[in-house]
Amino acid sequence: MTQAVTTLAGGCFWCLEAAFEQLDGVLSVLPGYMGGHDPRPSYEAVCRGDTGHAEVVQIVFDPAKIDFETLLTAFFTIHDPTTLNRQGHDAGTQYRSAIFFHDASQQAVAEAMIARLNSDGIWDSPIVTEVTPASTFFVAEEYHHQYFRRNPYQGYCVAVVAPKALKLRKVFAERIKAG
């Protein structure tokens, strides 16, 4: 089986992990940090905005089952790519919208999709999603892994994570993993 990797930032990594892990063809989703200057970022430092990193998910997927463009369609479905450094009440550069591409093909697909979405006028404002080369991926602390699955009744999960995961389930019903 061929595997590919993409790294996406679109607000809190708990939301992205909970959404993407549902898709058939997604083999793993790891929360972490990318795009900053600190060689050893911690959650606390990233949340303070001290490191320059974004909260990201690194997605390993089977391109025979789900292609990169479909993953990006899901990405643009579950977050607002028009708000600079913000998703809802989460504000700061760590919550920016970004596609960290792993090869020239991913860069081309991302740039073409953003151009198409902007020209289609899907949103009232232009997309501010960064398209930038992937850099060092730092895996988030263990307690962030599978956070929504382990804490479904935590306040933020009920108010923010669950609605995004549900939206993805509805829009991509035919692509949700069985079971």
N, C-alpha and C. Protein backbone atom coordinates (compact mmCIF):
# COMPACT_ATOMS: atom_id res chain seq x y z
N MET A 1 0.84 -1.18 0.00
CA MET A 1 0.00 0.00 0.00
C MET A 1 0.89 1.24 0.00
N THR A 2 0.56 2.17 -0.87
CA THR A 2 1.24 3.45 -0.93
C THR A 2 0.64 4.37 0.13
N GLN A 3 1.50 5.13 0.78
CA GLN A 3 1.04 6.10 1.77
C GLN A 3 1.55 7.48 1.39
N ALA A 4 0.77 8.48 1.76
CA ALA A 4 1.18 9.87 1.56
C ALA A 4 0.91 10.61 2.87
N VAL A 5 1.52 11.78 2.98
CA VAL A 5 1.42 12.59 4.20
C VAL A 5 1.04 14.01 3.82
N THR A 6 0.18 14.60 4.63
CA THR A 6 -0.09 16.03 4.53
C THR A 6 -0.17 16.59 5.94
N THR A 7 0.08 17.88 6.06
CA THR A 7 0.02 18.55 7.35
C THR A 7 -0.83 19.81 7.19
N LEU A 8 -1.87 19.89 8.02
CA LEU A 8 -2.84 20.98 7.90
C LEU A 8 -3.04 21.69 9.23
N ALA A 9 -3.26 23.00 9.16
CA ALA A 9 -3.56 23.82 10.33
C ALA A 9 -4.84 24.59 10.05
N GLY A 10 -5.78 24.47 10.96
CA GLY A 10 -7.06 25.16 10.79
C GLY A 10 -7.75 25.37 12.12
N GLY A 11 -7.04 25.96 13.06
CA GLY A 11 -7.58 26.14 14.40
C GLY A 11 -7.05 25.05 15.32
N CYS A 12 -7.85 24.71 16.29
CA CYS A 12 -7.45 23.74 17.31
C CYS A 12 -7.23 22.36 16.70
N PHE A 13 -6.12 21.73 17.05
CA PHE A 13 -5.83 20.41 16.48
C PHE A 13 -6.78 19.34 16.98
N TRP A 14 -7.45 19.53 18.10
CA TRP A 14 -8.45 18.56 18.55
C TRP A 14 -9.58 18.45 17.52
N CYS A 15 -9.99 19.60 16.97
CA CYS A 15 -11.07 19.62 15.98
C CYS A 15 -10.66 18.89 14.71
N LEU A 16 -9.48 19.22 14.22
CA LEU A 16 -9.02 18.61 12.97
C LEU A 16 -8.83 17.10 13.13
N GLU A 17 -8.24 16.68 14.24
CA GLU A 17 -8.04 15.25 14.47
C GLU A 17 -9.37 14.51 14.49
N ALA A 18 -10.34 15.04 15.25
CA ALA A 18 -11.65 14.38 15.38
C ALA A 18 -12.37 14.28 14.03
N ALA A 19 -12.19 15.28 13.19
CA ALA A 19 -12.84 15.26 11.88
C ALA A 19 -12.14 14.30 10.92
N PHE A 20 -10.85 14.47 10.72
CA PHE A 20 -10.14 13.70 9.70
C PHE A 20 -10.03 12.21 10.02
N GLU A 21 -9.98 11.84 11.28
CA GLU A 21 -9.84 10.41 11.60
C GLU A 21 -11.06 9.60 11.18
N GLN A 22 -12.16 10.26 10.86
CA GLN A 22 -13.38 9.58 10.43
C GLN A 22 -13.35 9.14 8.97
N LEU A 23 -12.47 9.74 8.18
CA LEU A 23 -12.50 9.52 6.73
C LEU A 23 -11.83 8.21 6.32
N ASP A 24 -12.54 7.46 5.48
CA ASP A 24 -11.99 6.24 4.92
C ASP A 24 -10.78 6.59 4.07
N GLY A 25 -9.71 5.87 4.27
CA GLY A 25 -8.46 6.15 3.56
C GLY A 25 -7.47 6.91 4.41
N VAL A 26 -7.93 7.52 5.50
CA VAL A 26 -7.02 8.17 6.44
C VAL A 26 -6.51 7.09 7.38
N LEU A 27 -5.20 6.91 7.40
CA LEU A 27 -4.59 5.84 8.18
C LEU A 27 -4.22 6.29 9.59
N SER A 28 -3.81 7.55 9.73
CA SER A 28 -3.51 8.09 11.06
C SER A 28 -3.58 9.61 11.03
N VAL A 29 -3.88 10.17 12.19
CA VAL A 29 -3.91 11.62 12.36
C VAL A 29 -3.21 11.93 13.68
N LEU A 30 -2.13 12.69 13.60
CA LEU A 30 -1.38 13.05 14.80
C LEU A 30 -1.43 14.55 15.02
N PRO A 31 -1.79 14.99 16.24
CA PRO A 31 -1.74 16.42 16.54
C PRO A 31 -0.30 16.84 16.80
N GLY A 32 0.00 18.06 16.44
CA GLY A 32 1.36 18.55 16.68
C GLY A 32 1.50 20.01 16.34
N TYR A 33 2.74 20.39 16.08
CA TYR A 33 3.09 21.79 15.84
C TYR A 33 4.03 21.87 14.64
N MET A 34 3.86 22.93 13.83
CA MET A 34 4.73 23.14 12.68
C MET A 34 4.76 24.63 12.37
N GLY A 35 5.84 25.04 11.72
CA GLY A 35 5.90 26.38 11.17
C GLY A 35 6.45 27.44 12.11
N GLY A 36 7.13 27.03 13.15
CA GLY A 36 7.66 28.01 14.10
C GLY A 36 9.17 27.99 14.17
N HIS A 37 9.69 28.69 15.17
CA HIS A 37 11.14 28.84 15.30
C HIS A 37 11.73 28.14 16.52
N ASP A 38 10.91 27.73 17.46
CA ASP A 38 11.41 27.10 18.68
C ASP A 38 11.76 25.64 18.38
N PRO A 39 12.97 25.18 18.71
CA PRO A 39 13.36 23.81 18.40
C PRO A 39 12.69 22.76 19.32
N ARG A 40 12.02 23.19 20.38
CA ARG A 40 11.33 22.26 21.28
C ARG A 40 10.03 22.89 21.78
N PRO A 41 9.05 23.07 20.90
CA PRO A 41 7.82 23.73 21.33
C PRO A 41 7.01 22.87 22.30
N SER A 42 6.39 23.53 23.26
CA SER A 42 5.46 22.86 24.16
C SER A 42 4.08 23.47 23.92
N TYR A 43 3.06 22.77 24.34
CA TYR A 43 1.69 23.26 24.19
C TYR A 43 1.54 24.64 24.84
N GLU A 44 2.05 24.78 26.03
CA GLU A 44 1.92 26.05 26.75
C GLU A 44 2.59 27.19 25.98
N ALA A 45 3.80 26.97 25.47
CA ALA A 45 4.51 28.01 24.73
C ALA A 45 3.82 28.32 23.41
N VAL A 46 3.32 27.29 22.73
CA VAL A 46 2.59 27.51 21.47
C VAL A 46 1.32 28.31 21.75
N CYS A 47 0.58 27.96 22.80
CA CYS A 47 -0.65 28.68 23.15
C CYS A 47 -0.40 30.14 23.50
N ARG A 48 0.74 30.42 24.10
CA ARG A 48 1.09 31.82 24.42
C ARG A 48 1.50 32.58 23.17
N GLY A 49 1.76 31.88 22.08
CA GLY A 49 2.21 32.52 20.85
C GLY A 49 3.69 32.80 20.83
N ASP A 50 4.44 32.12 21.71
CA ASP A 50 5.87 32.37 21.84
C ASP A 50 6.74 31.67 20.79
N THR A 51 6.21 30.68 20.11
CA THR A 51 7.06 29.82 19.27
C THR A 51 6.91 30.05 17.77
N GLY A 52 5.82 30.69 17.36
CA GLY A 52 5.54 30.87 15.94
C GLY A 52 4.89 29.66 15.29
N HIS A 53 4.73 28.57 16.04
CA HIS A 53 4.14 27.35 15.48
C HIS A 53 2.62 27.47 15.36
N ALA A 54 2.08 26.71 14.43
CA ALA A 54 0.64 26.52 14.33
C ALA A 54 0.31 25.16 14.94
N GLU A 55 -0.88 25.05 15.52
CA GLU A 55 -1.39 23.73 15.88
C GLU A 55 -1.78 23.06 14.57
N VAL A 56 -1.27 21.86 14.35
CA VAL A 56 -1.49 21.15 13.09
C VAL A 56 -1.90 19.71 13.36
N VAL A 57 -2.37 19.07 12.31
CA VAL A 57 -2.48 17.62 12.30
C VAL A 57 -1.67 17.10 11.13
N GLN A 58 -0.93 16.04 11.38
CA GLN A 58 -0.21 15.37 10.30
C GLN A 58 -1.01 14.12 9.96
N ILE A 59 -1.45 14.07 8.72
CA ILE A 59 -2.35 13.02 8.26
C ILE A 59 -1.59 12.09 7.33
N VAL A 60 -1.61 10.79 7.65
CA VAL A 60 -1.08 9.76 6.77
C VAL A 60 -2.30 9.14 6.10
N PHE A 61 -2.28 9.07 4.78
CA PHE A 61 -3.45 8.57 4.06
C PHE A 61 -3.03 7.67 2.91
N ASP A 62 -4.02 6.88 2.47
CA ASP A 62 -3.84 5.97 1.34
C ASP A 62 -4.41 6.67 0.11
N PRO A 63 -3.57 7.18 -0.80
CA PRO A 63 -4.07 7.92 -1.95
C PRO A 63 -4.91 7.08 -2.91
N ALA A 64 -4.87 5.75 -2.77
CA ALA A 64 -5.75 4.91 -3.59
C ALA A 64 -7.19 4.97 -3.07
N LYS A 65 -7.36 5.35 -1.82
CA LYS A 65 -8.70 5.43 -1.22
C LYS A 65 -9.22 6.86 -1.08
N ILE A 66 -8.32 7.79 -0.82
CA ILE A 66 -8.71 9.20 -0.66
C ILE A 66 -7.56 10.05 -1.19
N ASP A 67 -7.87 10.98 -2.07
CA ASP A 67 -6.80 11.79 -2.65
C ASP A 67 -6.63 13.10 -1.87
N PHE A 68 -5.54 13.76 -2.16
CA PHE A 68 -5.19 15.00 -1.46
C PHE A 68 -6.26 16.07 -1.67
N GLU A 69 -6.80 16.16 -2.87
CA GLU A 69 -7.83 17.17 -3.15
C GLU A 69 -9.07 16.94 -2.28
N THR A 70 -9.45 15.69 -2.08
CA THR A 70 -10.60 15.40 -1.21
C THR A 70 -10.30 15.79 0.23
N LEU A 71 -9.08 15.52 0.69
CA LEU A 71 -8.70 15.95 2.03
C LEU A 71 -8.79 17.48 2.16
N LEU A 72 -8.34 18.19 1.13
CA LEU A 72 -8.44 19.65 1.18
C LEU A 72 -9.89 20.13 1.14
N THR A 73 -10.72 19.44 0.40
CA THR A 73 -12.15 19.80 0.38
C THR A 73 -12.73 19.65 1.79
N ALA A 74 -12.38 18.57 2.47
CA ALA A 74 -12.82 18.38 3.86
C ALA A 74 -12.26 19.49 4.74
N PHE A 75 -11.00 19.83 4.57
CA PHE A 75 -10.34 20.88 5.34
C PHE A 75 -11.09 22.20 5.20
N PHE A 76 -11.43 22.57 3.97
CA PHE A 76 -12.13 23.84 3.76
C PHE A 76 -13.59 23.77 4.18
N THR A 77 -14.11 22.59 4.39
CA THR A 77 -15.49 22.42 4.87
C THR A 77 -15.60 22.65 6.38
N ILE A 78 -14.56 22.28 7.12
CA ILE A 78 -14.69 22.27 8.58
C ILE A 78 -14.07 23.47 9.29
N HIS A 79 -13.49 24.40 8.56
CA HIS A 79 -12.98 25.60 9.23
C HIS A 79 -13.18 26.82 8.33
N ASP A 80 -13.02 27.99 8.91
CA ASP A 80 -13.17 29.24 8.16
C ASP A 80 -11.79 29.70 7.71
N PRO A 81 -11.48 29.57 6.43
CA PRO A 81 -10.16 29.94 5.93
C PRO A 81 -10.01 31.43 5.63
N THR A 82 -11.01 32.23 6.02
CA THR A 82 -10.96 33.66 5.71
C THR A 82 -10.61 34.52 6.92
N THR A 83 -10.47 33.91 8.07
CA THR A 83 -10.15 34.70 9.27
C THR A 83 -8.67 34.52 9.60
N LEU A 84 -7.94 35.61 9.59
CA LEU A 84 -6.51 35.57 9.81
C LEU A 84 -6.22 35.29 11.29
N ASN A 85 -5.48 34.21 11.52
CA ASN A 85 -5.03 33.86 12.87
C ASN A 85 -6.20 33.70 13.86
N ARG A 86 -7.28 33.10 13.39
CA ARG A 86 -8.45 32.94 14.27
C ARG A 86 -9.36 31.85 13.73
N GLN A 87 -9.91 31.09 14.67
CA GLN A 87 -11.02 30.18 14.39
C GLN A 87 -11.97 30.34 15.56
N GLY A 88 -13.11 30.98 15.33
CA GLY A 88 -14.06 31.23 16.42
C GLY A 88 -13.41 32.07 17.50
N HIS A 89 -13.47 31.57 18.75
CA HIS A 89 -12.89 32.29 19.88
C HIS A 89 -11.39 32.03 20.02
N ASP A 90 -10.86 31.07 19.28
CA ASP A 90 -9.42 30.76 19.35
C ASP A 90 -8.68 31.77 18.47
N ALA A 91 -7.88 32.62 19.10
CA ALA A 91 -7.18 33.66 18.36
C ALA A 91 -5.67 33.58 18.61
N GLY A 92 -4.90 33.87 17.58
CA GLY A 92 -3.45 33.87 17.66
C GLY A 92 -2.88 33.15 16.46
N THR A 93 -1.61 33.37 16.17
CA THR A 93 -0.99 32.75 15.00
C THR A 93 -0.99 31.23 15.10
N GLN A 94 -1.07 30.68 16.30
CA GLN A 94 -1.10 29.23 16.46
C GLN A 94 -2.39 28.62 15.90
N TYR A 95 -3.41 29.45 15.64
CA TYR A 95 -4.68 28.98 15.10
C TYR A 95 -4.87 29.37 13.64
N ARG A 96 -3.77 29.76 12.97
CA ARG A 96 -3.86 30.18 11.57
C ARG A 96 -4.27 29.00 10.68
N SER A 97 -4.77 29.37 9.52
CA SER A 97 -5.12 28.39 8.50
C SER A 97 -3.90 28.21 7.60
N ALA A 98 -3.44 26.96 7.49
CA ALA A 98 -2.24 26.72 6.68
C ALA A 98 -2.24 25.31 6.10
N ILE A 99 -1.71 25.20 4.92
CA ILE A 99 -1.45 23.92 4.28
C ILE A 99 0.06 23.83 4.15
N PHE A 100 0.65 22.89 4.88
CA PHE A 100 2.09 22.67 4.81
C PHE A 100 2.32 21.54 3.81
N PHE A 101 2.67 21.90 2.58
CA PHE A 101 2.78 20.90 1.52
C PHE A 101 4.07 20.10 1.65
N HIS A 102 3.98 18.83 1.23
CA HIS A 102 5.11 17.91 1.31
C HIS A 102 5.77 17.66 -0.03
N ASP A 103 5.16 18.16 -1.12
CA ASP A 103 5.77 18.04 -2.44
C ASP A 103 5.12 19.06 -3.38
N ALA A 104 5.70 19.18 -4.57
CA ALA A 104 5.22 20.18 -5.53
C ALA A 104 3.78 19.92 -5.97
N SER A 105 3.39 18.66 -6.03
CA SER A 105 2.02 18.32 -6.42
C SER A 105 1.02 18.85 -5.39
N GLN A 106 1.32 18.65 -4.11
CA GLN A 106 0.43 19.16 -3.07
C GLN A 106 0.34 20.69 -3.14
N GLN A 107 1.46 21.33 -3.38
CA GLN A 107 1.46 22.79 -3.50
C GLN A 107 0.55 23.23 -4.65
N ALA A 108 0.69 22.59 -5.79
CA ALA A 108 -0.11 22.96 -6.97
C ALA A 108 -1.60 22.73 -6.72
N VAL A 109 -1.96 21.60 -6.14
CA VAL A 109 -3.37 21.30 -5.85
C VAL A 109 -3.93 22.33 -4.87
N ALA A 110 -3.17 22.64 -3.82
CA ALA A 110 -3.63 23.59 -2.81
C ALA A 110 -3.85 24.98 -3.41
N GLU A 111 -2.86 25.45 -4.17
CA GLU A 111 -2.97 26.78 -4.76
C GLU A 111 -4.13 26.85 -5.76
N ALA A 112 -4.32 25.79 -6.55
CA ALA A 112 -5.42 25.77 -7.52
C ALA A 112 -6.77 25.75 -6.81
N MET A 113 -6.88 24.98 -5.72
CA MET A 113 -8.15 24.92 -5.00
C MET A 113 -8.48 26.27 -4.37
N ILE A 114 -7.50 26.91 -3.77
CA ILE A 114 -7.74 28.22 -3.17
C ILE A 114 -8.17 29.23 -4.22
N ALA A 115 -7.51 29.23 -5.37
CA ALA A 115 -7.89 30.14 -6.46
C ALA A 115 -9.32 29.87 -6.92
N ARG A 116 -9.65 28.58 -7.05
CA ARG A 116 -11.00 28.21 -7.48
C ARG A 116 -12.06 28.62 -6.45
N LEU A 117 -11.80 28.34 -5.18
CA LEU A 117 -12.76 28.71 -4.13
C LEU A 117 -12.93 30.22 -4.05
N ASN A 118 -11.84 30.96 -4.19
CA ASN A 118 -11.95 32.43 -4.19
C ASN A 118 -12.77 32.91 -5.37
N SER A 119 -12.52 32.35 -6.56
CA SER A 119 -13.25 32.81 -7.75
C SER A 119 -14.72 32.39 -7.69
N ASP A 120 -15.02 31.28 -7.02
CA ASP A 120 -16.41 30.84 -6.87
C ASP A 120 -17.18 31.69 -5.85
N GLY A 121 -16.48 32.50 -5.07
CA GLY A 121 -17.15 33.36 -4.11
C GLY A 121 -17.86 32.61 -2.98
N ILE A 122 -17.29 31.48 -2.57
CA ILE A 122 -17.89 30.67 -1.51
C ILE A 122 -18.03 31.48 -0.22
N TRP A 123 -17.02 32.29 0.09
CA TRP A 123 -17.03 33.11 1.29
C TRP A 123 -17.09 34.58 0.91
N ASP A 124 -17.53 35.41 1.84
CA ASP A 124 -17.62 36.84 1.60
C ASP A 124 -16.24 37.52 1.55
N SER A 125 -15.26 36.89 2.18
CA SER A 125 -13.90 37.44 2.23
C SER A 125 -12.95 36.45 1.54
N PRO A 126 -11.79 36.95 1.11
CA PRO A 126 -10.84 36.04 0.46
C PRO A 126 -10.20 35.07 1.46
N ILE A 127 -9.78 33.94 0.95
CA ILE A 127 -9.09 32.92 1.75
C ILE A 127 -7.71 33.43 2.14
N VAL A 128 -7.36 33.27 3.42
CA VAL A 128 -6.04 33.70 3.91
C VAL A 128 -5.16 32.51 4.27
N THR A 129 -5.56 31.32 3.88
CA THR A 129 -4.80 30.11 4.18
C THR A 129 -3.40 30.20 3.57
N GLU A 130 -2.38 29.98 4.42
CA GLU A 130 -1.00 29.94 3.95
C GLU A 130 -0.76 28.62 3.22
N VAL A 131 -0.01 28.67 2.15
CA VAL A 131 0.47 27.46 1.48
C VAL A 131 1.98 27.56 1.55
N THR A 132 2.56 26.69 2.37
CA THR A 132 3.98 26.82 2.68
C THR A 132 4.63 25.44 2.79
N PRO A 133 5.92 25.33 2.51
CA PRO A 133 6.56 24.02 2.60
C PRO A 133 6.50 23.45 4.02
N ALA A 134 6.31 22.16 4.11
CA ALA A 134 6.35 21.49 5.41
C ALA A 134 7.74 21.66 6.00
N SER A 135 7.77 21.83 7.30
CA SER A 135 9.03 21.92 8.03
C SER A 135 8.99 20.84 9.11
N THR A 136 9.81 20.97 10.12
CA THR A 136 9.85 19.95 11.17
C THR A 136 8.49 19.84 11.85
N PHE A 137 8.01 18.62 11.95
CA PHE A 137 6.75 18.33 12.65
C PHE A 137 7.10 17.88 14.06
N PHE A 138 6.52 18.56 15.02
CA PHE A 138 6.69 18.21 16.42
C PHE A 138 5.39 17.58 16.92
N VAL A 139 5.44 16.34 17.33
CA VAL A 139 4.26 15.64 17.84
C VAL A 139 3.84 16.30 19.15
N ALA A 140 2.55 16.56 19.28
CA ALA A 140 2.02 17.16 20.52
C ALA A 140 2.14 16.17 21.67
N GLU A 141 2.05 16.70 22.85
CA GLU A 141 2.10 15.90 24.06
C GLU A 141 1.01 14.83 24.02
N GLU A 142 1.29 13.70 24.62
CA GLU A 142 0.41 12.52 24.56
C GLU A 142 -1.03 12.83 24.96
N TYR A 143 -1.25 13.70 25.93
CA TYR A 143 -2.62 13.95 26.39
C TYR A 143 -3.49 14.64 25.34
N HIS A 144 -2.89 15.13 24.25
CA HIS A 144 -3.67 15.72 23.15
C HIS A 144 -4.13 14.67 22.14
N HIS A 145 -3.52 13.51 22.14
CA HIS A 145 -3.86 12.47 21.17
C HIS A 145 -5.22 11.89 21.48
N GLN A 146 -6.06 11.82 20.44
CA GLN A 146 -7.42 11.29 20.59
C GLN A 146 -8.20 12.06 21.66
N TYR A 147 -7.95 13.35 21.76
CA TYR A 147 -8.54 14.15 22.84
C TYR A 147 -10.06 14.10 22.83
N PHE A 148 -10.66 14.31 21.68
CA PHE A 148 -12.12 14.31 21.60
C PHE A 148 -12.69 12.93 21.92
N ARG A 149 -12.07 11.91 21.42
CA ARG A 149 -12.54 10.55 21.68
C ARG A 149 -12.50 10.24 23.18
N ARG A 150 -11.48 10.73 23.87
CA ARG A 150 -11.34 10.46 25.30
C ARG A 150 -12.11 11.44 26.19
N ASN A 151 -12.47 12.62 25.64
CA ASN A 151 -13.12 13.67 26.44
C ASN A 151 -14.34 14.26 25.73
N PRO A 152 -15.28 13.44 25.28
CA PRO A 152 -16.38 13.97 24.46
C PRO A 152 -17.29 14.95 25.20
N TYR A 153 -17.31 14.92 26.51
CA TYR A 153 -18.22 15.78 27.27
C TYR A 153 -17.53 17.00 27.87
N GLN A 154 -16.23 17.16 27.59
CA GLN A 154 -15.51 18.35 28.03
C GLN A 154 -16.13 19.54 27.30
N GLY A 155 -16.25 20.70 27.95
CA GLY A 155 -16.97 21.85 27.41
C GLY A 155 -16.57 22.26 26.00
N TYR A 156 -15.27 22.42 25.75
CA TYR A 156 -14.80 22.82 24.43
C TYR A 156 -15.16 21.76 23.39
N CYS A 157 -15.05 20.50 23.78
CA CYS A 157 -15.37 19.42 22.85
C CYS A 157 -16.84 19.44 22.47
N VAL A 158 -17.71 19.67 23.44
CA VAL A 158 -19.16 19.72 23.16
C VAL A 158 -19.49 20.91 22.27
N ALA A 159 -18.92 22.07 22.59
CA ALA A 159 -19.29 23.31 21.90
C ALA A 159 -18.60 23.50 20.55
N VAL A 160 -17.36 23.01 20.41
CA VAL A 160 -16.58 23.33 19.21
C VAL A 160 -16.20 22.09 18.41
N VAL A 161 -15.62 21.09 19.07
CA VAL A 161 -15.11 19.93 18.34
C VAL A 161 -16.25 19.09 17.75
N ALA A 162 -17.23 18.76 18.57
CA ALA A 162 -18.32 17.89 18.11
C ALA A 162 -19.05 18.45 16.88
N PRO A 163 -19.40 19.75 16.86
CA PRO A 163 -20.07 20.26 15.66
C PRO A 163 -19.23 20.14 14.38
N LYS A 164 -17.90 20.32 14.49
CA LYS A 164 -17.06 20.19 13.30
C LYS A 164 -16.99 18.74 12.83
N ALA A 165 -16.86 17.82 13.78
CA ALA A 165 -16.82 16.40 13.42
C ALA A 165 -18.15 15.98 12.81
N LEU A 166 -19.25 16.47 13.35
CA LEU A 166 -20.57 16.14 12.81
C LEU A 166 -20.76 16.73 11.41
N LYS A 167 -20.30 17.95 11.20
CA LYS A 167 -20.42 18.57 9.88
C LYS A 167 -19.69 17.73 8.83
N LEU A 168 -18.49 17.28 9.19
CA LEU A 168 -17.75 16.44 8.25
C LEU A 168 -18.51 15.14 7.97
N ARG A 169 -19.08 14.54 9.01
CA ARG A 169 -19.84 13.30 8.84
C ARG A 169 -21.01 13.50 7.87
N LYS A 170 -21.67 14.63 7.97
CA LYS A 170 -22.82 14.92 7.11
C LYS A 170 -22.39 15.19 5.67
N VAL A 171 -21.40 16.06 5.50
CA VAL A 171 -20.99 16.46 4.15
C VAL A 171 -20.28 15.32 3.42
N PHE A 172 -19.55 14.49 4.16
CA PHE A 172 -18.77 13.41 3.56
C PHE A 172 -19.30 12.04 3.97
N ALA A 173 -20.59 11.91 4.11
CA ALA A 173 -21.22 10.68 4.59
C ALA A 173 -20.75 9.45 3.82
N GLU A 174 -20.56 9.57 2.52
CA GLU A 174 -20.16 8.43 1.70
C GLU A 174 -18.67 8.08 1.88
N ARG A 175 -17.92 8.90 2.58
CA ARG A 175 -16.50 8.68 2.77
C ARG A 175 -16.12 8.35 4.23
N ILE A 176 -17.11 8.18 5.08
CA ILE A 176 -16.85 7.88 6.50
C ILE A 176 -16.50 6.40 6.64
N LYS A 177 -15.53 6.12 7.51
CA LYS A 177 -15.10 4.75 7.75
C LYS A 177 -16.27 3.91 8.28
N ALA A 178 -16.31 2.67 7.86
CA ALA A 178 -17.35 1.76 8.37
C ALA A 178 -17.03 1.41 9.81
N GLY A 179 -18.08 1.17 10.57
CA GLY A 179 -17.89 0.70 11.96
C GLY A 179 -17.80 1.81 12.86
